[in-house]
Protein backbone atom coordinates (compact mmCIF):
# COMPACT_ATOMS: atom_id res chain seq x y z
CA UNK A 1 109.20 85.08 110.21
CA UNK A 2 110.72 88.17 108.74
CA UNK A 3 110.02 89.93 105.48
CA UNK A 4 112.12 92.64 103.91
CA UNK A 5 110.48 96.05 103.83
CA UNK A 6 112.83 97.46 101.22
CA UNK A 7 111.63 98.46 97.78
CA UNK A 8 114.80 98.28 95.74
CA UNK A 9 114.72 99.37 92.14
CA UNK A 10 118.37 99.37 91.12
CA UNK A 11 120.59 96.66 89.67
CA UNK A 12 118.08 95.53 87.10
CA UNK A 13 120.66 93.45 85.35
CA UNK A 14 120.49 91.13 88.33
CA UNK A 15 116.73 91.13 88.38
CA UNK A 16 115.97 87.91 86.57
CA UNK A 17 113.62 87.62 83.65
CA UNK A 18 110.66 89.36 85.23
CA UNK A 19 112.56 92.46 86.28
CA UNK A 20 110.74 93.53 89.42
CA UNK A 21 109.97 90.28 91.15
CA UNK A 22 107.41 89.92 93.88
CA UNK A 23 108.64 87.69 96.68
CA UNK A 24 106.08 86.54 99.21
CA UNK A 25 107.63 85.09 102.31
CA UNK A 26 104.77 85.13 104.79
CA UNK A 27 104.18 81.57 105.90
CA UNK A 28 101.94 82.01 108.94
CA UNK A 29 100.91 78.39 108.92
CA UNK A 30 100.07 76.12 111.82
CA UNK A 31 103.67 75.83 112.96
CA UNK A 32 104.83 79.32 112.12
CA UNK A 33 104.76 82.67 113.86
CA UNK A 34 102.02 84.98 112.70
CA UNK A 35 103.24 88.09 110.94
CA UNK A 36 101.54 91.15 109.54
CA UNK A 37 104.39 92.00 107.20
CA UNK A 38 103.67 92.04 103.52
CA UNK A 39 105.38 90.87 100.33
CA UNK A 40 107.56 93.44 98.64
CA UNK A 41 108.85 94.10 95.15
CA UNK A 42 112.59 93.64 94.94
CA UNK A 43 115.11 93.74 92.18
CA UNK A 44 116.61 90.32 92.85
CA UNK A 45 115.43 86.86 93.82
CA UNK A 46 116.52 86.52 97.47
CA UNK A 47 116.15 83.20 99.29
CA UNK A 48 112.75 82.78 100.89
CA UNK A 49 112.82 83.47 104.61
CA UNK A 50 112.28 80.24 106.46
CA UNK A 51 110.80 80.11 109.89
CA UNK A 52 111.61 77.48 112.45
CA UNK A 53 108.85 74.86 112.63
CA UNK A 54 108.20 72.86 115.71
CA UNK A 55 109.29 69.26 115.33
CA UNK A 56 106.06 67.31 115.45
CA UNK A 57 107.38 63.90 114.44
CA UNK A 58 108.67 61.64 117.14
CA UNK A 59 108.00 62.59 120.74
CA UNK A 60 106.19 65.85 120.11
CA UNK A 61 104.89 68.03 122.89
CA UNK A 62 101.20 68.90 123.12
CA UNK A 63 100.41 71.90 120.96
CA UNK A 64 99.19 74.98 122.79
CA UNK A 65 96.11 76.81 121.55
CA UNK A 66 98.18 79.86 120.70
CA UNK A 67 100.27 77.78 118.32
CA UNK A 68 97.46 76.29 116.30
CA UNK A 69 94.45 78.19 115.01
CA UNK A 70 91.02 76.66 115.47
CA UNK A 71 89.08 75.60 112.40
CA UNK A 72 86.20 77.81 111.41
CA UNK A 73 83.09 77.03 109.47
CA UNK A 74 83.78 77.07 105.75
CA UNK A 75 82.16 79.92 103.88
CA UNK A 76 79.48 79.21 101.33
CA UNK A 77 81.35 80.79 98.44
CA UNK A 78 84.96 80.74 97.35
CA UNK A 79 86.91 83.69 95.97
CA UNK A 80 88.79 81.30 93.73
CA UNK A 81 87.89 81.05 90.08
CA UNK A 82 84.92 78.75 89.73
CA UNK A 83 85.67 75.47 88.00
CA UNK A 84 84.10 75.16 84.60
CA UNK A 85 81.34 72.60 84.22
CA UNK A 86 82.34 69.08 83.33
CA UNK A 87 80.32 69.39 80.11
CA UNK A 88 82.16 72.56 79.05
CA UNK A 89 85.49 71.02 79.99
CA UNK A 90 84.77 67.97 77.86
CA UNK A 91 83.77 70.15 74.91
CA UNK A 92 87.01 72.12 75.26
CA UNK A 93 89.03 68.89 75.48
CA UNK A 94 87.32 67.51 72.40
CA UNK A 95 88.07 70.65 70.42
CA UNK A 96 91.64 70.74 71.72
CA UNK A 97 92.23 67.12 70.77
CA UNK A 98 90.90 67.88 67.30
CA UNK A 99 93.61 70.52 66.89
CA UNK A 100 91.74 73.75 67.68
CA UNK A 101 94.52 76.11 68.84
CA UNK A 102 92.24 78.44 70.80
CA UNK A 103 90.73 75.50 72.66
CA UNK A 104 94.22 74.18 73.39
CA UNK A 105 95.24 77.55 74.81
CA UNK A 106 92.04 77.73 76.85
CA UNK A 107 92.68 74.26 78.23
CA UNK A 108 96.16 75.35 79.23
CA UNK A 109 94.62 78.26 81.12
CA UNK A 110 92.19 75.96 82.90
CA UNK A 111 95.03 73.76 84.14
CA UNK A 112 97.15 76.75 85.19
CA UNK A 113 94.48 78.41 87.33
CA UNK A 114 92.75 75.26 88.53
CA UNK A 115 89.47 75.68 86.68
CA UNK A 116 89.86 72.14 85.37
CA UNK A 117 89.68 70.85 88.94
CA UNK A 118 93.21 71.09 90.33
CA UNK A 119 96.21 73.01 89.11
CA UNK A 120 98.23 70.76 86.81
CA UNK A 121 101.22 72.63 85.42
CA UNK A 122 102.70 69.82 83.25
CA UNK A 123 99.29 69.37 81.62
CA UNK A 124 99.01 73.12 81.10
CA UNK A 125 102.43 73.20 79.45
CA UNK A 126 101.41 70.35 77.18
CA UNK A 127 98.39 72.22 75.84
CA UNK A 128 100.15 75.58 75.66
CA UNK A 129 102.83 73.92 73.55
CA UNK A 130 100.24 72.38 71.23
CA UNK A 131 98.67 75.80 70.65
CA UNK A 132 102.03 77.60 70.51
CA UNK A 133 103.29 75.31 67.77
CA UNK A 134 100.26 76.37 65.74
CA UNK A 135 101.24 80.03 66.16
CA UNK A 136 98.83 81.03 68.95
CA UNK A 137 100.59 84.10 70.37
CA UNK A 138 99.06 84.00 73.85
CA UNK A 139 99.96 80.34 74.21
CA UNK A 140 103.49 81.12 73.08
CA UNK A 141 103.73 83.78 75.79
CA UNK A 142 102.35 81.46 78.46
CA UNK A 143 104.66 78.62 77.45
CA UNK A 144 107.62 81.00 77.49
CA UNK A 145 106.64 82.15 80.99
CA UNK A 146 106.58 78.56 82.21
CA UNK A 147 110.06 77.95 80.83
CA UNK A 148 111.30 81.22 82.34
CA UNK A 149 109.96 80.30 85.78
CA UNK A 150 110.53 76.54 85.62
CA UNK A 151 106.86 75.85 86.30
CA UNK A 152 105.50 72.62 84.80
CA UNK A 153 108.69 72.28 82.75
CA UNK A 154 112.38 72.43 83.54
CA UNK A 155 113.61 76.01 83.55
CA UNK A 156 115.16 76.82 80.20
CA UNK A 157 115.99 80.44 79.37
CA UNK A 158 116.67 79.64 75.72
CA UNK A 159 113.26 78.04 75.26
CA UNK A 160 111.69 80.97 77.10
CA UNK A 161 113.41 83.49 74.86
CA UNK A 162 112.44 81.51 71.77
CA UNK A 163 108.73 81.53 72.55
CA UNK A 164 108.71 85.10 73.89
CA UNK A 165 110.33 86.20 70.63
CA UNK A 166 107.77 84.40 68.48
CA UNK A 167 104.87 85.94 70.40
CA UNK A 168 106.53 89.37 70.38
CA UNK A 169 106.89 89.25 66.63
CA UNK A 170 103.12 88.78 66.43
CA UNK A 171 102.61 91.98 68.41
CA UNK A 172 101.92 90.55 71.86
CA UNK A 173 102.92 93.49 74.06
CA UNK A 174 103.55 91.38 77.20
CA UNK A 175 105.84 89.14 75.18
CA UNK A 176 107.61 92.21 73.80
CA UNK A 177 108.21 93.44 77.34
CA UNK A 178 109.42 89.99 78.42
CA UNK A 179 111.82 89.47 75.50
CA UNK A 180 113.11 92.96 76.22
CA UNK A 181 113.98 91.83 79.74
CA UNK A 182 115.65 88.71 78.37
CA UNK A 183 117.89 90.85 76.15
CA UNK A 184 118.49 93.34 78.98
CA UNK A 185 119.60 90.56 81.35
CA UNK A 186 121.29 88.35 78.76
CA UNK A 187 119.06 85.40 79.63
CA UNK A 188 118.58 82.88 76.86
CA UNK A 189 119.92 85.45 74.39
CA UNK A 190 123.11 87.55 74.29
CA UNK A 191 122.85 90.71 76.39
CA UNK A 192 121.94 93.57 74.07
CA UNK A 193 120.73 96.82 75.61
CA UNK A 194 119.77 98.28 72.24
CA UNK A 195 117.61 95.27 71.36
CA UNK A 196 116.10 95.38 74.83
CA UNK A 197 115.25 99.06 74.42
CA UNK A 198 113.70 98.37 71.02
CA UNK A 199 111.33 95.82 72.48
CA UNK A 200 110.52 97.97 75.52
CA UNK A 201 109.67 100.83 73.19
CA UNK A 202 107.42 98.58 71.07
CA UNK A 203 105.52 97.35 74.11
CA UNK A 204 105.30 100.83 75.63
CA UNK A 205 103.83 102.21 72.41
CA UNK A 206 101.12 99.57 72.72
CA UNK A 207 100.35 100.91 76.18
CA UNK A 208 102.11 98.20 78.20
CA UNK A 209 102.53 99.62 81.70
CA UNK A 210 105.42 97.37 82.72
CA UNK A 211 107.41 98.42 79.67
CA UNK A 212 106.55 102.03 80.39
CA UNK A 213 107.76 101.50 83.95
CA UNK A 214 111.08 100.14 82.68
CA UNK A 215 111.56 103.19 80.48
CA UNK A 216 110.52 105.54 83.29
CA UNK A 217 112.99 103.89 85.65
CA UNK A 218 115.76 104.21 83.07
CA UNK A 219 114.98 107.90 82.71
CA UNK A 220 114.87 108.30 86.48
CA UNK A 221 118.30 106.70 86.82
CA UNK A 222 119.74 108.96 84.14
CA UNK A 223 118.36 112.06 85.86
CA UNK A 224 119.13 110.76 89.36
CA UNK A 225 115.50 111.37 90.38
CA UNK A 226 113.98 108.12 91.68
CA UNK A 227 110.31 107.48 91.04
CA UNK A 228 108.03 108.30 93.94
CA UNK A 229 105.84 105.65 95.58
CA UNK A 230 102.83 107.37 94.02
CA UNK A 231 104.36 107.04 90.54
CA UNK A 232 105.21 103.39 91.14
CA UNK A 233 101.69 102.68 92.37
CA UNK A 234 100.23 104.25 89.24
CA UNK A 235 102.34 102.03 86.99
CA UNK A 236 101.59 98.88 88.99
CA UNK A 237 97.87 99.63 89.09
CA UNK A 238 97.75 100.05 85.32
CA UNK A 239 99.85 96.91 84.79
CA UNK A 240 97.55 94.95 87.11
CA UNK A 241 94.55 96.11 85.12
CA UNK A 242 96.33 94.92 81.99
CA UNK A 243 96.67 91.39 83.32
CA UNK A 244 100.08 91.19 85.01
CA UNK A 245 99.63 89.02 88.11
CA UNK A 246 102.95 90.21 89.56
CA UNK A 247 101.74 93.80 89.33
CA UNK A 248 98.39 92.86 90.88
CA UNK A 249 100.19 91.31 93.83
CA UNK A 250 102.45 94.34 94.13
CA UNK A 251 99.65 96.92 94.11
CA UNK A 252 97.86 94.74 96.65
CA UNK A 253 100.89 95.00 98.89
CA UNK A 254 101.01 98.76 98.41
CA UNK A 255 97.33 99.09 99.37
CA UNK A 256 97.95 96.92 102.40
CA UNK A 257 100.80 99.11 103.62
CA UNK A 258 99.51 102.44 102.34
CA UNK A 259 102.59 102.94 100.18
CA UNK A 260 101.91 105.32 97.28
CA UNK A 261 98.17 104.85 97.77
CA UNK A 262 95.76 105.30 100.64
CA UNK A 263 95.84 102.27 102.89
CA UNK A 264 92.89 100.03 102.08
CA UNK A 265 92.82 96.36 103.19
CA UNK A 266 89.80 95.68 100.99
CA UNK A 267 91.60 96.89 97.87
CA UNK A 268 94.67 94.95 98.91
CA UNK A 269 92.70 91.72 99.10
CA UNK A 270 91.00 92.48 95.78
CA UNK A 271 94.33 92.70 93.95
CA UNK A 272 95.86 89.73 95.75
CA UNK A 273 92.78 87.79 94.72
CA UNK A 274 93.13 88.83 91.09
CA UNK A 275 96.72 87.65 91.00
CA UNK A 276 95.69 84.40 92.66
CA UNK A 277 92.90 83.86 90.12
CA UNK A 278 95.55 84.03 87.41
CA UNK A 279 97.43 81.21 89.09
CA UNK A 280 100.27 83.30 90.55
CA UNK A 281 101.74 80.93 93.18
CA UNK A 282 102.97 83.65 95.54
CA UNK A 283 99.60 85.39 95.49
CA UNK A 284 97.87 82.07 96.11
CA UNK A 285 100.11 81.58 99.12
CA UNK A 286 99.43 85.07 100.42
CA UNK A 287 95.69 84.55 100.11
CA UNK A 288 96.07 81.37 102.16
CA UNK A 289 97.97 83.31 104.81
CA UNK A 290 95.30 86.04 104.84
CA UNK A 291 92.45 83.59 105.37
CA UNK A 292 94.40 81.55 107.90
CA UNK A 293 95.11 84.58 110.07
CA UNK A 294 92.00 86.60 109.26
CA UNK A 295 94.10 89.45 107.90
CA UNK A 296 91.83 91.79 105.94
CA UNK A 297 89.19 89.08 105.63
CA UNK A 298 87.10 86.89 107.90
CA UNK A 299 89.26 84.09 109.25
CA UNK A 300 88.45 80.87 107.38
CA UNK A 301 90.76 77.86 107.59
CA UNK A 302 88.75 76.05 104.90
CA UNK A 303 89.50 78.83 102.42
CA UNK A 304 93.12 78.90 103.55
CA UNK A 305 93.44 75.22 102.75
CA UNK A 306 92.03 75.76 99.27
CA UNK A 307 94.60 78.45 98.56
CA UNK A 308 97.45 76.49 100.15
CA UNK A 309 96.52 73.50 97.99
CA UNK A 310 96.53 75.56 94.81
CA UNK A 311 99.83 77.21 95.69
CA UNK A 312 101.30 73.81 96.56
CA UNK A 313 100.07 72.39 93.26
CA UNK A 314 101.80 75.34 91.59
CA UNK A 315 105.07 74.23 93.17
CA UNK A 316 105.37 76.90 95.87
CA UNK A 317 107.59 75.32 98.54
CA UNK A 318 106.38 77.35 101.51
CA UNK A 319 102.77 76.41 100.82
CA UNK A 320 103.76 72.77 100.37
CA UNK A 321 105.39 72.89 103.78
CA UNK A 322 102.49 74.68 105.50
CA UNK A 323 99.93 72.33 104.00
CA UNK A 324 102.02 69.33 105.03
CA UNK A 325 102.03 70.55 108.62
CA UNK A 326 98.26 70.92 108.54
CA UNK A 327 98.01 67.27 107.45
CA UNK A 328 100.39 66.26 110.24
CA UNK A 329 98.32 68.12 112.83
CA UNK A 330 94.94 67.25 111.30
CA UNK A 331 94.11 70.94 111.26
CA UNK A 332 91.26 71.78 108.92
CA UNK A 333 91.95 68.56 107.02
CA UNK A 334 91.86 64.88 107.89
CA UNK A 335 95.04 63.75 109.63
CA UNK A 336 97.15 62.22 106.84
CA UNK A 337 100.85 61.79 107.44
CA UNK A 338 101.41 60.00 104.13
CA UNK A 339 100.10 63.07 102.29
CA UNK A 340 102.27 65.23 104.52
CA UNK A 341 105.39 63.28 103.56
CA UNK A 342 104.61 63.68 99.86
CA UNK A 343 104.27 67.46 100.27
CA UNK A 344 107.39 67.68 102.40
CA UNK A 345 109.35 65.79 99.76
CA UNK A 346 108.30 68.32 97.13
CA UNK A 347 109.30 71.28 99.31
CA UNK A 348 112.50 69.59 100.49
CA UNK A 349 113.56 68.91 96.90
CA UNK A 350 113.47 72.69 96.39
CA UNK A 351 116.07 73.05 99.14
CA UNK A 352 113.55 74.35 101.67
CA UNK A 353 115.37 73.64 104.94
CA UNK A 354 112.34 73.56 107.27
CA UNK A 355 110.76 70.87 105.07
CA UNK A 356 114.04 68.96 104.91
CA UNK A 357 114.29 68.91 108.69
CA UNK A 358 110.66 67.89 109.17
CA UNK A 359 111.01 65.19 106.52
CA UNK A 360 114.02 63.86 108.40
CA UNK A 361 111.92 63.71 111.57
CA UNK A 362 109.15 61.82 109.75
CA UNK A 363 111.58 59.21 108.42
CA UNK A 364 113.31 58.91 111.78
CA UNK A 365 110.04 58.19 113.58
CA UNK A 366 108.42 56.18 110.77
CA UNK A 367 105.45 58.52 110.51
CA UNK A 368 103.93 58.82 107.04
CA UNK A 369 106.58 56.52 105.60
CA UNK A 370 108.49 53.42 106.60
CA UNK A 371 111.13 54.18 109.18
CA UNK A 372 114.40 54.82 107.38
CA UNK A 373 117.23 56.22 109.50
CA UNK A 374 119.49 56.56 106.49
CA UNK A 375 116.91 58.68 104.70
CA UNK A 376 116.35 60.67 107.90
CA UNK A 377 120.08 61.38 108.12
CA UNK A 378 120.08 62.40 104.45
CA UNK A 379 117.42 65.07 104.96
CA UNK A 380 118.75 66.26 108.30
CA UNK A 381 122.19 66.71 106.74
CA UNK A 382 120.77 68.70 103.83
CA UNK A 383 118.89 70.99 106.22
CA UNK A 384 122.03 71.35 108.33
CA UNK A 385 124.01 72.27 105.23
CA UNK A 386 121.43 75.05 104.69
CA UNK A 387 122.26 76.45 108.11
CA UNK A 388 119.57 74.82 110.24
CA UNK A 389 121.06 74.37 113.74
CA UNK A 390 118.34 72.01 114.98
CA UNK A 391 118.93 69.75 111.99
CA UNK A 392 122.66 69.82 112.73
CA UNK A 393 121.93 68.56 116.24
CA UNK A 394 119.75 65.80 114.79
CA UNK A 395 122.58 64.79 112.45
CA UNK A 396 124.97 64.48 115.39
CA UNK A 397 122.49 62.45 117.43
CA UNK A 398 121.54 60.15 114.56
CA UNK A 399 125.15 59.53 113.56
CA UNK A 400 125.53 57.59 116.82
CA UNK A 401 122.88 55.13 115.65
CA UNK A 402 124.14 54.53 112.12
CA UNK A 403 127.00 52.50 110.77
CA UNK A 404 129.68 54.19 108.64
CA UNK A 405 128.23 52.47 105.58
CA UNK A 406 124.76 53.87 106.31
CA UNK A 407 126.17 57.36 106.71
CA UNK A 408 128.03 56.97 103.43
CA UNK A 409 124.80 55.91 101.74
CA UNK A 410 122.93 58.87 103.20
CA UNK A 411 125.60 61.25 101.93
CA UNK A 412 125.33 59.68 98.48
CA UNK A 413 121.57 60.20 98.49
CA UNK A 414 122.04 63.81 99.54
CA UNK A 415 123.98 64.44 96.33
CA UNK A 416 120.82 63.58 94.39
CA UNK A 417 118.23 65.75 96.24
CA UNK A 418 115.40 65.01 93.80
CA UNK A 419 115.65 61.28 94.36
CA UNK A 420 112.99 59.97 96.73
CA UNK A 421 113.38 56.71 98.67
């Protein structure tokens, strides 16, 4: 698997709502090649790099030891946020149901970061909305973020801009920075550089490091003097301390590589962990990778599974795929091909070609689901359309076993990728 090493800071108008977006592409799961490359901040949202998984459905070959890591003894403590007690959770639920806005916002937080048991983004959005409609600024910001990212709700830039604006008007500096980006990029609102600058200035005056970084970058462009790695690290470190999970993940990456700061794997893991504790799906995935490979931390497959599960619950396709393969192989978890199929369906519906191809193999062989050659053809063809050569070969082979009507049905299903059969 390959990760880009470039730190690109130009073309912010193409950057998406979060401006500098952290993209974590390290999979390093049971069927993927181990890599030591780190996530990088980029100015656009590139497709996630997808490694080539071994086809385990059907007549699979024995797995060599070098391809699958051995399970280790689970550690006695988890770096994840500790779940709140059932008694405290019930008290919070009672208060939230009675209309207490702060309790509603807190409940949303619990569901976002998994402190309520498992991450449940639709439930988090429900409680954030309840609090946001009562004017709770933090809940408005969180709800806006979910709309901006399409997490727990369908992505909707207009709804995101609406809630960011309401929170920004109440003085929430992170919302001010975010609505500034929306105006800068013309997402959910008409593009307006002056309005964007006004909001960036407001947030920067409140000490918001990400807004200050935006202004510093604008000044650097005007003077044709790019910011140094040390300057970038200083901004990201401050932003991480202020609660930006994306910045925490980024400064973690910089500590890991020694870019702008002295290389320090322990500090890297600390900041990755902070971002993960805030429910950042990419950071959750990277923590899983770190524990799976023993990169910067004692190798612990049990911990890796916990992080993969949280990232998968957050909707991160690569973690859904990796966790599915662990269920297929029975690695660190009980062998459960039905669970694997469910995870593969979620990743495949996000156009993740490796999951599409593996899902096709599962349906072709009848593992984890009833054998369905039409459905297998559907997923193989979608993976092939995404440039997967092995899936293209499977399409050609399977077409010899299907009738023209079955192929027509499979093609019809492929036009509705979110429909499961």
